[in-house]
Amino acid sequence: MTVRILTDSGSDLPLQFFKENNVTLFSLGVHLDGQDYEDIATINPVKVFEAMRNGSAPKTSQVPPHRFKEVFTEIAKEKQSAVYISFSSQLSGTYQTAVMMSEEVREEYPDLDLTIVDTKCASLGQGLVVKAAAELASKGASKDEVVNLAKFYSTHMEHLFTVDDLEYLARGGRISKASAFVGGLLNIKPLLNVEDGKLIPLEKIRGKKKVYKRIVELMEERGTDLSKQTIGISHGDVENEALEVKKLFEEKFGCNSFFINVIGAAIGSHAGPGTIAIFFLDELPNS
């Protein structure tokens, strides 16, 4: 029996991926200009970025508890084996809600065969974990094998990202409005990463080209066999810049496998248009 893979829209994978790989999607909520949407499922993230450029301030919410309960109950009734690969518990309450709902379902169905993995990842960092797990599951791997691979990828996934406008981080309370104002005047681009599931500022760099140069340096320091892995690049509606960065990695590291996608509406509501995020492993399985 094939292991069923579940994930949420914090993974920033395209809708087509879920259809083609039989992966179940839990959508985070997005509230924009008086309307409620389901991330990935019912809203194009480009709409969110365009609205933000025009001054809108979208709000987000975690996956509704009833959605988890509905799917977990279905898994229990059909006696399936399943793995839910979750958005970082440090960035959303979605993981905790899933755990709570799984415990509730187990009260009625004690044999529920579900493992929930807190990736401590975000965007395509989480997405690459899901992709690897789905590929392994499609080959008939056991649930334990899929869980172990998902945990390995989660532990070794590196995130490096920069935002185009500090104002969006200020709106979400990530930095002060004064810092955003001064940073904008000086053309300062923050370079951030994710450590133990949390957003951690690394450096402040003046100018986009210098940021990209620094990302390449950090990839060289942290990455392992970059030419042998799939590099994730997610972007806030700036595909041309994502392709520029891709070219840098091709020239520097000989990378030839990339997964490029626009950042989803939920994460994009906080990061803002113009964001560029890079994801890669610091160690390869069996290396």
C-alpha atoms as a PDB file:
ATOM      1  CA  MET A   1       0.000   0.000   0.000  1.00  0.00           C
ATOM      2  CA  THR A   2       1.348   3.427  -0.971  1.00  0.00           C
ATOM      3  CA  VAL A   3       1.899   5.823   1.923  1.00  0.00           C
ATOM      4  CA  ARG A   4      -0.385   8.863   1.669  1.00  0.00           C
ATOM      5  CA  ILE A   5       1.459  12.195   1.816  1.00  0.00           C
ATOM      6  CA  LEU A   6      -0.196  15.291   3.281  1.00  0.00           C
ATOM      7  CA  THR A   7       1.135  18.821   3.566  1.00  0.00           C
ATOM      8  CA  ASP A   8      -0.042  22.407   3.919  1.00  0.00           C
ATOM      9  CA  SER A   9       0.287  25.458   1.715  1.00  0.00           C
ATOM     10  CA  GLY A  10       3.262  26.699   3.729  1.00  0.00           C
ATOM     11  CA  SER A  11       5.183  24.461   1.312  1.00  0.00           C
ATOM     12  CA  ASP A  12       4.582  26.925  -1.578  1.00  0.00           C
ATOM     13  CA  LEU A  13       4.264  24.090  -4.087  1.00  0.00           C
ATOM     14  CA  PRO A  14       2.160  24.755  -7.214  1.00  0.00           C
ATOM     15  CA  LEU A  15      -1.391  23.396  -7.299  1.00  0.00           C
ATOM     16  CA  GLN A  16      -0.437  21.112 -10.185  1.00  0.00           C
ATOM     17  CA  PHE A  17       2.105  19.348  -7.962  1.00  0.00           C
ATOM     18  CA  PHE A  18      -0.626  18.172  -5.589  1.00  0.00           C
ATOM     19  CA  LYS A  19      -2.712  16.815  -8.444  1.00  0.00           C
ATOM     20  CA  GLU A  20       0.147  15.045 -10.218  1.00  0.00           C
ATOM     21  CA  ASN A  21       1.661  13.489  -7.072  1.00  0.00           C
ATOM     22  CA  ASN A  22      -1.530  12.588  -5.163  1.00  0.00           C
ATOM     23  CA  VAL A  23      -0.474  14.783  -2.239  1.00  0.00           C
ATOM     24  CA  THR A  24      -3.263  16.107  -0.003  1.00  0.00           C
ATOM     25  CA  LEU A  25      -3.258  19.880   0.483  1.00  0.00           C
ATOM     26  CA  PHE A  26      -4.294  21.722   3.644  1.00  0.00           C
ATOM     27  CA  SER A  27      -4.684  25.407   2.771  1.00  0.00           C
ATOM     28  CA  LEU A  28      -3.847  28.239   5.138  1.00  0.00           C
ATOM     29  CA  GLY A  29      -6.342  31.077   5.041  1.00  0.00           C
ATOM     30  CA  VAL A  30      -5.778  34.448   3.368  1.00  0.00           C
ATOM     31  CA  HIS A  31      -8.016  37.468   3.963  1.00  0.00           C
ATOM     32  CA  LEU A  32      -7.598  40.136   1.289  1.00  0.00           C
ATOM     33  CA  ASP A  33      -9.709  43.239   0.680  1.00  0.00           C
ATOM     34  CA  GLY A  34     -12.759  41.852   2.471  1.00  0.00           C
ATOM     35  CA  GLN A  35     -12.597  38.387   0.896  1.00  0.00           C
ATOM     36  CA  ASP A  36     -11.492  35.050   2.368  1.00  0.00           C
ATOM     37  CA  TYR A  37      -9.417  32.651   0.280  1.00  0.00           C
ATOM     38  CA  GLU A  38      -7.712  29.267   0.587  1.00  0.00           C
ATOM     39  CA  ASP A  39      -3.997  29.586  -0.105  1.00  0.00           C
ATOM     40  CA  ILE A  40      -2.927  27.877  -3.362  1.00  0.00           C
ATOM     41  CA  ALA A  41      -6.412  26.370  -3.872  1.00  0.00           C
ATOM     42  CA  THR A  42      -8.557  29.467  -4.528  1.00  0.00           C
ATOM     43  CA  ILE A  43      -6.208  32.422  -4.926  1.00  0.00           C
ATOM     44  CA  ASN A  44      -3.330  33.180  -7.273  1.00  0.00           C
ATOM     45  CA  PRO A  45      -0.497  34.618  -5.159  1.00  0.00           C
ATOM     46  CA  VAL A  46       0.257  37.193  -7.872  1.00  0.00           C
ATOM     47  CA  LYS A  47      -3.087  38.801  -6.949  1.00  0.00           C
ATOM     48  CA  VAL A  48      -1.822  39.205  -3.381  1.00  0.00           C
ATOM     49  CA  PHE A  49       1.483  40.730  -4.460  1.00  0.00           C
ATOM     50  CA  GLU A  50      -0.273  43.180  -6.796  1.00  0.00           C
ATOM     51  CA  ALA A  51      -2.647  44.188  -3.994  1.00  0.00           C
ATOM     52  CA  MET A  52       0.275  44.699  -1.589  1.00  0.00           C
ATOM     53  CA  ARG A  53       2.035  46.921  -4.115  1.00  0.00           C
ATOM     54  CA  ASN A  54      -1.159  48.996  -4.155  1.00  0.00           C
ATOM     55  CA  GLY A  55      -1.254  49.321  -0.372  1.00  0.00           C
ATOM     56  CA  SER A  56      -3.395  46.368   0.743  1.00  0.00           C
ATOM     57  CA  ALA A  57      -2.434  44.514   3.921  1.00  0.00           C
ATOM     58  CA  PRO A  58      -3.592  40.882   3.684  1.00  0.00           C
ATOM     59  CA  LYS A  59      -4.097  38.797   6.813  1.00  0.00           C
ATOM     60  CA  THR A  60      -3.468  35.074   7.191  1.00  0.00           C
ATOM     61  CA  SER A  61      -4.844  32.263   9.339  1.00  0.00           C
ATOM     62  CA  GLN A  62      -3.873  28.676  10.007  1.00  0.00           C
ATOM     63  CA  VAL A  63      -5.540  25.598   8.539  1.00  0.00           C
ATOM     64  CA  PRO A  64      -9.054  25.210  10.046  1.00  0.00           C
ATOM     65  CA  PRO A  65      -9.194  22.392  12.649  1.00  0.00           C
ATOM     66  CA  HIS A  66     -12.243  20.770  11.009  1.00  0.00           C
ATOM     67  CA  ARG A  67     -10.271  20.287   7.795  1.00  0.00           C
ATOM     68  CA  PHE A  68      -7.629  18.243   9.645  1.00  0.00           C
ATOM     69  CA  LYS A  69     -10.275  16.232  11.477  1.00  0.00           C
ATOM     70  CA  GLU A  70     -12.113  15.443   8.247  1.00  0.00           C
ATOM     71  CA  VAL A  71      -8.999  14.110   6.459  1.00  0.00           C
ATOM     72  CA  PHE A  72      -7.566  12.285   9.490  1.00  0.00           C
ATOM     73  CA  THR A  73     -10.924  10.552  10.029  1.00  0.00           C
ATOM     74  CA  GLU A  74     -10.970   9.500   6.380  1.00  0.00           C
ATOM     75  CA  ILE A  75      -7.458   8.027   6.751  1.00  0.00           C
ATOM     76  CA  ALA A  76      -8.532   6.101   9.847  1.00  0.00           C
ATOM     77  CA  LYS A  77     -11.724   4.752   8.281  1.00  0.00           C
ATOM     78  CA  GLU A  78      -9.914   3.640   5.120  1.00  0.00           C
ATOM     79  CA  LYS A  79      -7.042   2.149   7.167  1.00  0.00           C
ATOM     80  CA  GLN A  80      -4.428   4.138   5.246  1.00  0.00           C
ATOM     81  CA  SER A  81      -0.851   4.901   6.307  1.00  0.00           C
ATOM     82  CA  ALA A  82      -0.167   8.619   6.125  1.00  0.00           C
ATOM     83  CA  VAL A  83       2.541  11.210   6.790  1.00  0.00           C
ATOM     84  CA  TYR A  84       1.692  14.891   7.274  1.00  0.00           C
ATOM     85  CA  ILE A  85       4.708  17.088   6.486  1.00  0.00           C
ATOM     86  CA  SER A  86       4.011  20.352   8.282  1.00  0.00           C
ATOM     87  CA  PHE A  87       4.948  24.037   8.065  1.00  0.00           C
ATOM     88  CA  SER A  88       7.343  25.072  10.864  1.00  0.00           C
ATOM     89  CA  SER A  89       5.706  25.069  14.295  1.00  0.00           C
ATOM     90  CA  GLN A  90       7.699  28.229  15.059  1.00  0.00           C
ATOM     91  CA  LEU A  91       5.990  30.192  12.270  1.00  0.00           C
ATOM     92  CA  SER A  92       2.398  28.943  12.478  1.00  0.00           C
ATOM     93  CA  GLY A  93       0.034  27.230  14.894  1.00  0.00           C
ATOM     94  CA  THR A  94      -0.920  24.789  12.140  1.00  0.00           C
ATOM     95  CA  TYR A  95       1.352  21.995  13.390  1.00  0.00           C
ATOM     96  CA  GLN A  96      -0.070  22.147  16.927  1.00  0.00           C
ATOM     97  CA  THR A  97      -3.636  22.149  15.598  1.00  0.00           C
ATOM     98  CA  ALA A  98      -2.887  19.068  13.474  1.00  0.00           C
ATOM     99  CA  VAL A  99      -1.464  17.235  16.498  1.00  0.00           C
ATOM    100  CA  MET A 100      -4.524  18.171  18.562  1.00  0.00           C
ATOM    101  CA  MET A 101      -6.925  16.973  15.846  1.00  0.00           C
ATOM    102  CA  SER A 102      -5.012  13.712  15.371  1.00  0.00           C
ATOM    103  CA  GLU A 103      -5.335  13.009  19.113  1.00  0.00           C
ATOM    104  CA  GLU A 104      -9.048  13.740  18.918  1.00  0.00           C
ATOM    105  CA  VAL A 105      -9.502  11.343  15.987  1.00  0.00           C
ATOM    106  CA  ARG A 106      -7.474   8.666  17.802  1.00  0.00           C
ATOM    107  CA  GLU A 107      -9.979   8.733  20.661  1.00  0.00           C
ATOM    108  CA  GLU A 108     -12.520   7.281  18.228  1.00  0.00           C
ATOM    109  CA  TYR A 109     -10.063   5.433  15.950  1.00  0.00           C
ATOM    110  CA  PRO A 110      -7.098   4.223  18.082  1.00  0.00           C
ATOM    111  CA  ASP A 111      -5.473   2.566  15.048  1.00  0.00           C
ATOM    112  CA  LEU A 112      -5.057   5.818  13.103  1.00  0.00           C
ATOM    113  CA  ASP A 113      -1.753   5.299  11.245  1.00  0.00           C
ATOM    114  CA  LEU A 114      -0.574   8.901  10.917  1.00  0.00           C
ATOM    115  CA  THR A 115       2.803  10.495  11.625  1.00  0.00           C
ATOM    116  CA  ILE A 116       3.086  14.295  11.761  1.00  0.00           C
ATOM    117  CA  VAL A 117       6.518  15.743  10.930  1.00  0.00           C
ATOM    118  CA  ASP A 118       7.317  19.283  12.054  1.00  0.00           C
ATOM    119  CA  THR A 119       9.759  20.246   9.298  1.00  0.00           C
ATOM    120  CA  LYS A 120      10.864  23.505  10.978  1.00  0.00           C
ATOM    121  CA  CYS A 121      10.961  24.641   7.338  1.00  0.00           C
ATOM    122  CA  ALA A 122       9.037  27.154   5.237  1.00  0.00           C
ATOM    123  CA  SER A 123       8.198  27.825   1.597  1.00  0.00           C
ATOM    124  CA  LEU A 124      10.081  25.614  -0.856  1.00  0.00           C
ATOM    125  CA  GLY A 125      12.336  24.453   2.000  1.00  0.00           C
ATOM    126  CA  GLN A 126       9.262  22.572   3.197  1.00  0.00           C
ATOM    127  CA  GLY A 127       8.270  21.953  -0.419  1.00  0.00           C
ATOM    128  CA  LEU A 128      11.500  20.100  -1.199  1.00  0.00           C
ATOM    129  CA  VAL A 129      10.916  17.877   1.850  1.00  0.00           C
ATOM    130  CA  VAL A 130       7.454  17.060   0.520  1.00  0.00           C
ATOM    131  CA  LYS A 131       8.770  16.449  -3.000  1.00  0.00           C
ATOM    132  CA  ALA A 132      11.397  13.971  -1.772  1.00  0.00           C
ATOM    133  CA  ALA A 133       8.878  12.161   0.438  1.00  0.00           C
ATOM    134  CA  ALA A 134       6.290  11.934  -2.348  1.00  0.00           C
ATOM    135  CA  GLU A 135       8.872  10.544  -4.772  1.00  0.00           C
ATOM    136  CA  LEU A 136       9.948   7.899  -2.260  1.00  0.00           C
ATOM    137  CA  ALA A 137       6.350   6.969  -1.413  1.00  0.00           C
ATOM    138  CA  SER A 138       5.540   6.550  -5.120  1.00  0.00           C
ATOM    139  CA  LYS A 139       8.252   3.881  -5.306  1.00  0.00           C
ATOM    140  CA  GLY A 140       6.449   1.788  -2.702  1.00  0.00           C
ATOM    141  CA  ALA A 141       8.622   2.714   0.293  1.00  0.00           C
ATOM    142  CA  SER A 142       7.386   1.919   3.795  1.00  0.00           C
ATOM    143  CA  LYS A 143       5.958   4.618   6.040  1.00  0.00           C
ATOM    144  CA  ASP A 144       9.055   4.471   8.272  1.00  0.00           C
ATOM    145  CA  GLU A 145      11.312   5.028   5.260  1.00  0.00           C
ATOM    146  CA  VAL A 146       9.253   8.026   4.144  1.00  0.00           C
ATOM    147  CA  VAL A 147       9.216   9.511   7.669  1.00  0.00           C
ATOM    148  CA  ASN A 148      12.980   9.037   8.060  1.00  0.00           C
ATOM    149  CA  LEU A 149      13.693  10.745   4.730  1.00  0.00           C
ATOM    150  CA  ALA A 150      11.338  13.627   5.564  1.00  0.00           C
ATOM    151  CA  LYS A 151      13.077  14.120   8.913  1.00  0.00           C
ATOM    152  CA  PHE A 152      16.525  13.990   7.285  1.00  0.00           C
ATOM    153  CA  TYR A 153      15.571  16.601   4.679  1.00  0.00           C
ATOM    154  CA  SER A 154      13.940  18.767   7.344  1.00  0.00           C
ATOM    155  CA  THR A 155      17.043  18.665   9.551  1.00  0.00           C
ATOM    156  CA  HIS A 156      19.457  19.462   6.719  1.00  0.00           C
ATOM    157  CA  MET A 157      17.443  22.051   4.757  1.00  0.00           C
ATOM    158  CA  GLU A 158      19.059  25.486   4.494  1.00  0.00           C
ATOM    159  CA  HIS A 159      16.999  28.643   3.912  1.00  0.00           C
ATOM    160  CA  LEU A 160      18.499  31.939   2.689  1.00  0.00           C
ATOM    161  CA  PHE A 161      16.239  34.794   1.695  1.00  0.00           C
ATOM    162  CA  THR A 162      16.042  38.517   1.183  1.00  0.00           C
ATOM    163  CA  VAL A 163      13.089  40.876   0.914  1.00  0.00           C
ATOM    164  CA  ASP A 164      12.815  43.784  -1.499  1.00  0.00           C
ATOM    165  CA  ASP A 165      11.031  46.198   0.801  1.00  0.00           C
ATOM    166  CA  LEU A 166      11.483  46.233   4.582  1.00  0.00           C
ATOM    167  CA  GLU A 167       8.050  47.833   4.926  1.00  0.00           C
ATOM    168  CA  TYR A 168       6.313  44.466   4.570  1.00  0.00           C
ATOM    169  CA  LEU A 169       8.329  42.947   7.424  1.00  0.00           C
ATOM    170  CA  ALA A 170       7.524  46.051   9.482  1.00  0.00           C
ATOM    171  CA  ARG A 171       3.777  45.577   8.879  1.00  0.00           C
ATOM    172  CA  GLY A 172       4.050  42.043  10.195  1.00  0.00           C
ATOM    173  CA  GLY A 173       5.990  43.204  13.266  1.00  0.00           C
ATOM    174  CA  ARG A 174       9.274  41.572  12.188  1.00  0.00           C
ATOM    175  CA  ILE A 175      11.181  44.874  12.342  1.00  0.00           C
ATOM    176  CA  SER A 176      10.398  48.413  13.518  1.00  0.00           C
ATOM    177  CA  LYS A 177       8.848  50.938  11.140  1.00  0.00           C
ATOM    178  CA  ALA A 178      11.808  53.249  11.776  1.00  0.00           C
ATOM    179  CA  SER A 179      14.218  50.548  10.655  1.00  0.00           C
ATOM    180  CA  ALA A 180      12.121  49.987   7.542  1.00  0.00           C
ATOM    181  CA  PHE A 181      12.167  53.706   6.717  1.00  0.00           C
ATOM    182  CA  VAL A 182      15.926  54.074   7.173  1.00  0.00           C
ATOM    183  CA  GLY A 183      16.586  50.796   5.374  1.00  0.00           C
ATOM    184  CA  GLY A 184      14.539  51.979   2.417  1.00  0.00           C
ATOM    185  CA  LEU A 185      16.489  55.240   2.193  1.00  0.00           C
ATOM    186  CA  LEU A 186      19.821  53.413   2.276  1.00  0.00           C
ATOM    187  CA  ASN A 187      18.728  50.613  -0.108  1.00  0.00           C
ATOM    188  CA  ILE A 188      19.496  48.090   2.637  1.00  0.00           C
ATOM    189  CA  LYS A 189      18.467  44.503   1.911  1.00  0.00           C
ATOM    190  CA  PRO A 190      18.262  42.164   4.898  1.00  0.00           C
ATOM    191  CA  LEU A 191      19.586  38.634   4.497  1.00  0.00           C
ATOM    192  CA  LEU A 192      17.736  36.155   6.707  1.00  0.00           C
ATOM    193  CA  ASN A 193      17.691  32.424   7.305  1.00  0.00           C
ATOM    194  CA  VAL A 194      15.731  29.879   9.312  1.00  0.00           C
ATOM    195  CA  GLU A 195      17.223  28.302  12.418  1.00  0.00           C
ATOM    196  CA  ASP A 196      15.246  25.696  14.373  1.00  0.00           C
ATOM    197  CA  GLY A 197      12.148  26.822  12.535  1.00  0.00           C
ATOM    198  CA  LYS A 198      12.484  30.534  13.372  1.00  0.00           C
ATOM    199  CA  LEU A 199      13.314  33.522  11.160  1.00  0.00           C
ATOM    200  CA  ILE A 200      16.767  34.805  12.071  1.00  0.00           C
ATOM    201  CA  PRO A 201      18.333  37.947  10.523  1.00  0.00           C
ATOM    202  CA  LEU A 202      21.885  37.278   9.339  1.00  0.00           C
ATOM    203  CA  GLU A 203      23.176  40.489   7.800  1.00  0.00           C
ATOM    204  CA  LYS A 204      22.111  43.819   6.355  1.00  0.00           C
ATOM    205  CA  ILE A 205      23.598  44.441   2.931  1.00  0.00           C
ATOM    206  CA  ARG A 206      23.345  47.506   0.706  1.00  0.00           C
ATOM    207  CA  GLY A 207      22.148  46.682  -2.791  1.00  0.00           C
ATOM    208  CA  LYS A 208      20.638  43.628  -4.406  1.00  0.00           C
ATOM    209  CA  LYS A 209      23.706  42.477  -6.343  1.00  0.00           C
ATOM    210  CA  LYS A 210      25.758  42.343  -3.140  1.00  0.00           C
ATOM    211  CA  VAL A 211      23.018  40.304  -1.451  1.00  0.00           C
ATOM    212  CA  TYR A 212      23.073  37.749  -4.261  1.00  0.00           C
ATOM    213  CA  LYS A 213      26.855  37.588  -4.119  1.00  0.00           C
ATOM    214  CA  ARG A 214      26.654  36.914  -0.377  1.00  0.00           C
ATOM    215  CA  ILE A 215      24.045  34.193  -0.900  1.00  0.00           C
ATOM    216  CA  VAL A 216      26.427  32.437  -3.288  1.00  0.00           C
ATOM    217  CA  GLU A 217      29.219  32.664  -0.673  1.00  0.00           C
ATOM    218  CA  LEU A 218      26.989  31.223   2.051  1.00  0.00           C
ATOM    219  CA  MET A 219      25.828  28.409  -0.214  1.00  0.00           C
ATOM    220  CA  GLU A 220      29.456  27.521  -0.853  1.00  0.00           C
ATOM    221  CA  GLU A 221      30.116  27.482   2.911  1.00  0.00           C
ATOM    222  CA  ARG A 222      27.005  25.541   3.926  1.00  0.00           C
ATOM    223  CA  GLY A 223      26.058  23.377   0.973  1.00  0.00           C
ATOM    224  CA  THR A 224      27.233  19.858   0.114  1.00  0.00           C
ATOM    225  CA  ASP A 225      27.452  18.581  -3.472  1.00  0.00           C
ATOM    226  CA  LEU A 226      25.222  21.402  -4.717  1.00  0.00           C
ATOM    227  CA  SER A 227      25.496  20.174  -8.314  1.00  0.00           C
ATOM    228  CA  LYS A 228      23.949  16.837  -7.258  1.00  0.00           C
ATOM    229  CA  GLN A 229      20.816  18.209  -5.604  1.00  0.00           C
ATOM    230  CA  THR A 230      17.686  20.127  -6.523  1.00  0.00           C
ATOM    231  CA  ILE A 231      17.950  23.791  -5.567  1.00  0.00           C
ATOM    232  CA  GLY A 232      14.694  25.500  -4.587  1.00  0.00           C
ATOM    233  CA  ILE A 233      14.084  29.123  -5.547  1.00  0.00           C
ATOM    234  CA  SER A 234      10.855  30.862  -4.547  1.00  0.00           C
ATOM    235  CA  HIS A 235      10.091  34.453  -5.436  1.00  0.00           C
ATOM    236  CA  GLY A 236       7.601  37.207  -4.696  1.00  0.00           C
ATOM    237  CA  ASP A 237       6.352  37.751  -8.257  1.00  0.00           C
ATOM    238  CA  VAL A 238       9.836  38.484  -9.660  1.00  0.00           C
ATOM    239  CA  GLU A 239      10.526  35.478 -11.843  1.00  0.00           C
ATOM    240  CA  ASN A 240      13.170  37.364 -13.847  1.00  0.00           C
ATOM    241  CA  GLU A 241      15.241  37.811 -10.673  1.00  0.00           C
ATOM    242  CA  ALA A 242      14.766  34.149  -9.728  1.00  0.00           C
ATOM    243  CA  LEU A 243      16.164  33.217 -13.141  1.00  0.00           C
ATOM    244  CA  GLU A 244      19.126  35.582 -12.635  1.00  0.00           C
ATOM    245  CA  VAL A 245      19.932  33.836  -9.351  1.00  0.00           C
ATOM    246  CA  LYS A 246      19.527  30.441 -11.020  1.00  0.00           C
ATOM    247  CA  LYS A 247      22.135  31.478 -13.594  1.00  0.00           C
ATOM    248  CA  LEU A 248      24.558  32.439 -10.804  1.00  0.00           C
ATOM    249  CA  PHE A 249      24.227  28.958  -9.286  1.00  0.00           C
ATOM    250  CA  GLU A 250      24.655  27.257 -12.652  1.00  0.00           C
ATOM    251  CA  GLU A 251      27.859  29.180 -13.312  1.00  0.00           C
ATOM    252  CA  LYS A 252      29.323  28.890  -9.804  1.00  0.00           C
ATOM    253  CA  PHE A 253      28.310  25.375  -8.741  1.00  0.00           C
ATOM    254  CA  GLY A 254      27.297  23.590 -11.942  1.00  0.00           C
ATOM    255  CA  CYS A 255      23.747  23.108 -10.628  1.00  0.00           C
ATOM    256  CA  ASN A 256      21.334  21.722 -13.195  1.00  0.00           C
ATOM    257  CA  SER A 257      18.256  20.742 -11.159  1.00  0.00           C
ATOM    258  CA  PHE A 258      16.026  23.532  -9.908  1.00  0.00           C
ATOM    259  CA  PHE A 259      12.501  23.883  -8.508  1.00  0.00           C
ATOM    260  CA  ILE A 260      11.320  27.451  -9.053  1.00  0.00           C
ATOM    261  CA  ASN A 261       7.917  28.735  -7.967  1.00  0.00           C
ATOM    262  CA  VAL A 262       6.183  31.914  -6.878  1.00  0.00           C
ATOM    263  CA  ILE A 263       5.805  32.272  -3.102  1.00  0.00           C
ATOM    264  CA  GLY A 264       2.286  31.368  -1.976  1.00  0.00           C
ATOM    265  CA  ALA A 265      -0.290  33.866  -0.789  1.00  0.00           C
ATOM    266  CA  ALA A 266       0.063  33.047   2.928  1.00  0.00           C
ATOM    267  CA  ILE A 267       3.840  33.406   3.224  1.00  0.00           C
ATOM    268  CA  GLY A 268       3.854  36.132   0.578  1.00  0.00           C
ATOM    269  CA  SER A 269       1.475  38.210   2.718  1.00  0.00           C
ATOM    270  CA  HIS A 270       4.310  38.601   5.229  1.00  0.00           C
ATOM    271  CA  ALA A 271       7.390  38.610   2.976  1.00  0.00           C
ATOM    272  CA  GLY A 272       5.982  40.877   0.284  1.00  0.00           C
ATOM    273  CA  PRO A 273       6.633  41.260  -3.444  1.00  0.00           C
ATOM    274  CA  GLY A 274      10.247  41.127  -4.579  1.00  0.00           C
ATOM    275  CA  THR A 275      11.300  38.475  -2.062  1.00  0.00           C
ATOM    276  CA  ILE A 276      13.858  35.914  -3.226  1.00  0.00           C
ATOM    277  CA  ALA A 277      14.389  32.727  -1.201  1.00  0.00           C
ATOM    278  CA  ILE A 278      16.908  29.924  -1.770  1.00  0.00           C
ATOM    279  CA  PHE A 279      16.757  26.369  -0.400  1.00  0.00           C
ATOM    280  CA  PHE A 280      19.366  23.613  -0.452  1.00  0.00           C
ATOM    281  CA  LEU A 281      20.716  20.755   1.675  1.00  0.00           C
ATOM    282  CA  ASP A 282      23.837  20.988   3.834  1.00  0.00           C
ATOM    283  CA  GLU A 283      24.143  17.190   3.635  1.00  0.00           C
ATOM    284  CA  LEU A 284      22.815  14.641   1.178  1.00  0.00           C
ATOM    285  CA  PRO A 285      21.167  11.349   2.172  1.00  0.00           C
ATOM    286  CA  ASN A 286      23.734   8.526   2.240  1.00  0.00           C
ATOM    287  CA  SER A 287      26.557  10.960   1.533  1.00  0.00           C
END
